[in-house]
Amino acid sequence: MINTYANFRDDVLPRIKRLGYNAVQIMAIQEHSYYASFGYASNNMLDGLNMFDGTDGHYFHTGSRGHHSVWDSRLFNYGS
């Protein structure tokens, strides 16, 4: 498990090099406790892309249309 950048730099990268790898793929950082969403569409207004520009409608539908009750997440507005 990687806990910090310093841990990754000091412990993980040297091991990768010792094992002979010459490339590392870095995946997205998950920002939210619901890891399947990677935090981007979290209902928590302090997470992910919510309130990016100070409003709740920059990336998502506003009001009740912007919330998916089954997924407990926001709904992107792909039309704007």
N, C-alpha and C. Protein backbone atom coordinates (compact mmCIF):
# COMPACT_ATOMS: atom_id res chain seq x y z
N MET A 1 0.84 -1.18 0.00
CA MET A 1 0.00 0.00 0.00
C MET A 1 0.89 1.24 0.00
N ILE A 2 0.48 2.23 -0.77
CA ILE A 2 1.20 3.49 -0.85
C ILE A 2 0.43 4.51 -0.03
N ASN A 3 1.11 5.14 0.90
CA ASN A 3 0.45 6.11 1.77
C ASN A 3 0.74 7.55 1.39
N THR A 4 1.91 7.81 0.88
CA THR A 4 2.31 9.18 0.55
C THR A 4 3.20 9.16 -0.68
N TYR A 5 3.40 10.33 -1.25
CA TYR A 5 4.34 10.43 -2.36
C TYR A 5 5.74 10.03 -1.91
N ALA A 6 6.13 10.46 -0.70
CA ALA A 6 7.47 10.13 -0.19
C ALA A 6 7.63 8.61 -0.06
N ASN A 7 6.59 7.92 0.40
CA ASN A 7 6.63 6.46 0.49
C ASN A 7 6.81 5.84 -0.89
N PHE A 8 6.08 6.36 -1.87
CA PHE A 8 6.18 5.86 -3.24
C PHE A 8 7.60 6.08 -3.78
N ARG A 9 8.12 7.28 -3.56
CA ARG A 9 9.46 7.63 -4.05
C ARG A 9 10.55 6.79 -3.37
N ASP A 10 10.45 6.67 -2.06
CA ASP A 10 11.53 6.03 -1.29
C ASP A 10 11.47 4.51 -1.27
N ASP A 11 10.26 3.95 -1.30
CA ASP A 11 10.12 2.51 -1.13
C ASP A 11 9.67 1.77 -2.38
N VAL A 12 8.71 2.34 -3.09
CA VAL A 12 8.12 1.63 -4.23
C VAL A 12 8.96 1.77 -5.50
N LEU A 13 9.34 2.98 -5.86
CA LEU A 13 10.11 3.16 -7.09
C LEU A 13 11.42 2.36 -7.11
N PRO A 14 12.20 2.36 -6.01
CA PRO A 14 13.42 1.54 -6.03
C PRO A 14 13.13 0.04 -6.24
N ARG A 15 12.04 -0.44 -5.66
CA ARG A 15 11.68 -1.84 -5.84
C ARG A 15 11.30 -2.12 -7.29
N ILE A 16 10.55 -1.21 -7.90
CA ILE A 16 10.19 -1.36 -9.31
C ILE A 16 11.44 -1.43 -10.17
N LYS A 17 12.40 -0.56 -9.90
CA LYS A 17 13.65 -0.55 -10.66
C LYS A 17 14.44 -1.84 -10.44
N ARG A 18 14.53 -2.28 -9.17
CA ARG A 18 15.24 -3.53 -8.86
C ARG A 18 14.65 -4.73 -9.59
N LEU A 19 13.34 -4.71 -9.77
CA LEU A 19 12.66 -5.83 -10.45
C LEU A 19 12.81 -5.77 -11.97
N GLY A 20 13.43 -4.70 -12.48
CA GLY A 20 13.73 -4.63 -13.90
C GLY A 20 12.68 -3.94 -14.76
N TYR A 21 11.67 -3.36 -14.15
CA TYR A 21 10.66 -2.65 -14.94
C TYR A 21 11.22 -1.33 -15.43
N ASN A 22 10.72 -0.90 -16.60
CA ASN A 22 11.19 0.38 -17.13
C ASN A 22 10.03 1.36 -17.37
N ALA A 23 8.85 1.01 -16.88
CA ALA A 23 7.69 1.89 -17.02
C ALA A 23 6.75 1.67 -15.84
N VAL A 24 6.02 2.73 -15.49
CA VAL A 24 5.04 2.67 -14.41
C VAL A 24 3.77 3.33 -14.91
N GLN A 25 2.63 2.68 -14.74
CA GLN A 25 1.36 3.30 -15.11
C GLN A 25 0.71 3.84 -13.84
N ILE A 26 0.44 5.12 -13.83
CA ILE A 26 -0.19 5.77 -12.68
C ILE A 26 -1.68 5.93 -12.99
N MET A 27 -2.52 5.42 -12.11
CA MET A 27 -3.96 5.52 -12.29
C MET A 27 -4.48 6.76 -11.56
N ALA A 28 -5.71 7.12 -11.85
CA ALA A 28 -6.34 8.30 -11.24
C ALA A 28 -6.36 8.18 -9.72
N ILE A 29 -6.22 9.30 -9.07
CA ILE A 29 -6.30 9.35 -7.62
C ILE A 29 -7.77 9.42 -7.23
N GLN A 30 -8.18 8.51 -6.38
CA GLN A 30 -9.58 8.50 -5.95
C GLN A 30 -9.77 9.54 -4.85
N GLU A 31 -10.76 10.40 -5.04
CA GLU A 31 -10.94 11.54 -4.16
C GLU A 31 -12.05 11.37 -3.15
N HIS A 32 -12.71 10.26 -3.14
CA HIS A 32 -13.96 10.16 -2.39
C HIS A 32 -14.09 8.77 -1.79
N SER A 33 -14.82 8.68 -0.71
CA SER A 33 -14.96 7.40 -0.03
C SER A 33 -15.70 6.37 -0.87
N TYR A 34 -16.50 6.78 -1.83
CA TYR A 34 -17.12 5.86 -2.77
C TYR A 34 -16.17 5.69 -3.95
N TYR A 35 -15.23 4.78 -3.82
CA TYR A 35 -14.12 4.67 -4.75
C TYR A 35 -14.52 4.32 -6.18
N ALA A 36 -15.67 3.68 -6.35
CA ALA A 36 -16.07 3.32 -7.71
C ALA A 36 -16.30 4.55 -8.57
N SER A 37 -16.62 5.69 -7.96
CA SER A 37 -16.87 6.89 -8.75
C SER A 37 -15.61 7.72 -8.94
N PHE A 38 -14.52 7.38 -8.31
CA PHE A 38 -13.29 8.17 -8.31
C PHE A 38 -13.54 9.59 -7.82
N GLY A 39 -14.69 9.81 -7.19
CA GLY A 39 -14.95 11.09 -6.57
C GLY A 39 -15.46 12.17 -7.48
N TYR A 40 -15.35 11.99 -8.79
CA TYR A 40 -15.71 13.09 -9.69
C TYR A 40 -17.17 13.46 -9.59
N ALA A 41 -18.05 12.48 -9.39
CA ALA A 41 -19.49 12.73 -9.39
C ALA A 41 -20.10 12.49 -8.01
N SER A 42 -19.35 12.71 -6.98
CA SER A 42 -19.81 12.49 -5.61
C SER A 42 -20.93 13.45 -5.25
N ASN A 43 -21.86 12.99 -4.42
CA ASN A 43 -22.92 13.86 -3.91
C ASN A 43 -22.38 14.87 -2.91
N ASN A 44 -21.26 14.59 -2.28
CA ASN A 44 -20.68 15.51 -1.32
C ASN A 44 -20.19 16.74 -2.07
N MET A 45 -20.72 17.90 -1.76
CA MET A 45 -20.39 19.11 -2.51
C MET A 45 -18.93 19.54 -2.33
N LEU A 46 -18.21 18.97 -1.39
CA LEU A 46 -16.81 19.33 -1.19
C LEU A 46 -15.86 18.41 -1.94
N ASP A 47 -16.39 17.36 -2.56
CA ASP A 47 -15.58 16.37 -3.28
C ASP A 47 -15.58 16.62 -4.77
N GLY A 48 -14.57 16.12 -5.43
CA GLY A 48 -14.53 16.04 -6.88
C GLY A 48 -14.77 17.34 -7.60
N LEU A 49 -15.64 17.29 -8.61
CA LEU A 49 -15.89 18.43 -9.47
C LEU A 49 -17.04 19.32 -8.99
N ASN A 50 -17.69 18.92 -7.92
CA ASN A 50 -18.78 19.73 -7.38
C ASN A 50 -18.28 21.13 -7.05
N MET A 51 -19.10 22.10 -7.32
CA MET A 51 -18.80 23.50 -6.99
C MET A 51 -17.48 23.98 -7.60
N PHE A 52 -17.08 23.39 -8.73
CA PHE A 52 -15.81 23.72 -9.37
C PHE A 52 -15.69 25.22 -9.65
N ASP A 53 -16.80 25.80 -10.12
CA ASP A 53 -16.80 27.23 -10.42
C ASP A 53 -17.63 28.02 -9.41
N GLY A 54 -17.96 27.41 -8.29
CA GLY A 54 -18.77 28.07 -7.28
C GLY A 54 -20.25 27.79 -7.42
N THR A 55 -20.64 27.05 -8.45
CA THR A 55 -22.04 26.66 -8.62
C THR A 55 -22.12 25.14 -8.66
N ASP A 56 -23.34 24.61 -8.55
CA ASP A 56 -23.47 23.16 -8.64
C ASP A 56 -23.79 22.70 -10.06
N GLY A 57 -23.78 23.63 -11.04
CA GLY A 57 -24.16 23.28 -12.39
C GLY A 57 -23.09 23.41 -13.44
N HIS A 58 -21.85 23.55 -13.06
CA HIS A 58 -20.78 23.69 -14.05
C HIS A 58 -20.61 22.42 -14.88
N TYR A 59 -20.58 21.27 -14.24
CA TYR A 59 -20.43 19.99 -14.93
C TYR A 59 -21.68 19.12 -14.82
N PHE A 60 -22.56 19.42 -13.89
CA PHE A 60 -23.70 18.56 -13.60
C PHE A 60 -25.01 19.29 -13.86
N HIS A 61 -26.09 18.51 -14.02
CA HIS A 61 -27.42 19.10 -14.05
C HIS A 61 -27.68 19.71 -12.67
N THR A 62 -28.43 20.79 -12.63
CA THR A 62 -28.75 21.43 -11.35
C THR A 62 -30.04 20.85 -10.78
N GLY A 63 -30.24 21.11 -9.50
CA GLY A 63 -31.46 20.66 -8.83
C GLY A 63 -31.57 19.16 -8.75
N SER A 64 -32.81 18.67 -8.62
CA SER A 64 -33.03 17.22 -8.45
C SER A 64 -32.61 16.44 -9.68
N ARG A 65 -32.65 17.07 -10.86
CA ARG A 65 -32.23 16.37 -12.08
C ARG A 65 -30.75 15.99 -12.03
N GLY A 66 -29.97 16.67 -11.25
CA GLY A 66 -28.54 16.42 -11.18
C GLY A 66 -28.11 15.39 -10.17
N HIS A 67 -29.07 14.68 -9.55
CA HIS A 67 -28.74 13.68 -8.54
C HIS A 67 -29.33 12.33 -8.90
N HIS A 68 -28.51 11.30 -8.89
CA HIS A 68 -28.96 9.94 -9.18
C HIS A 68 -29.19 9.22 -7.85
N SER A 69 -30.43 8.96 -7.52
CA SER A 69 -30.77 8.39 -6.21
C SER A 69 -30.27 6.96 -6.03
N VAL A 70 -30.23 6.18 -7.10
CA VAL A 70 -29.78 4.78 -6.99
C VAL A 70 -28.27 4.70 -6.82
N TRP A 71 -27.55 5.52 -7.57
CA TRP A 71 -26.08 5.50 -7.52
C TRP A 71 -25.53 6.39 -6.41
N ASP A 72 -26.37 7.24 -5.83
CA ASP A 72 -25.95 8.20 -4.82
C ASP A 72 -24.79 9.05 -5.34
N SER A 73 -25.00 9.60 -6.54
CA SER A 73 -23.97 10.41 -7.16
C SER A 73 -24.64 11.51 -7.98
N ARG A 74 -23.84 12.39 -8.56
CA ARG A 74 -24.33 13.45 -9.42
C ARG A 74 -24.45 12.94 -10.85
N LEU A 75 -25.25 13.64 -11.68
CA LEU A 75 -25.42 13.30 -13.08
C LEU A 75 -24.79 14.40 -13.94
N PHE A 76 -23.83 14.01 -14.74
CA PHE A 76 -23.16 14.96 -15.63
C PHE A 76 -24.13 15.54 -16.64
N ASN A 77 -23.94 16.79 -16.98
CA ASN A 77 -24.69 17.45 -18.02
C ASN A 77 -23.81 17.46 -19.26
N TYR A 78 -24.01 16.48 -20.15
CA TYR A 78 -23.17 16.35 -21.33
C TYR A 78 -23.59 17.31 -22.45
N GLY A 79 -24.72 18.00 -22.25
CA GLY A 79 -25.22 18.89 -23.28
C GLY A 79 -24.66 20.29 -23.25
N SER A 80 -23.95 20.65 -22.20
CA SER A 80 -23.46 22.02 -22.14
C SER A 80 -21.98 22.12 -22.36
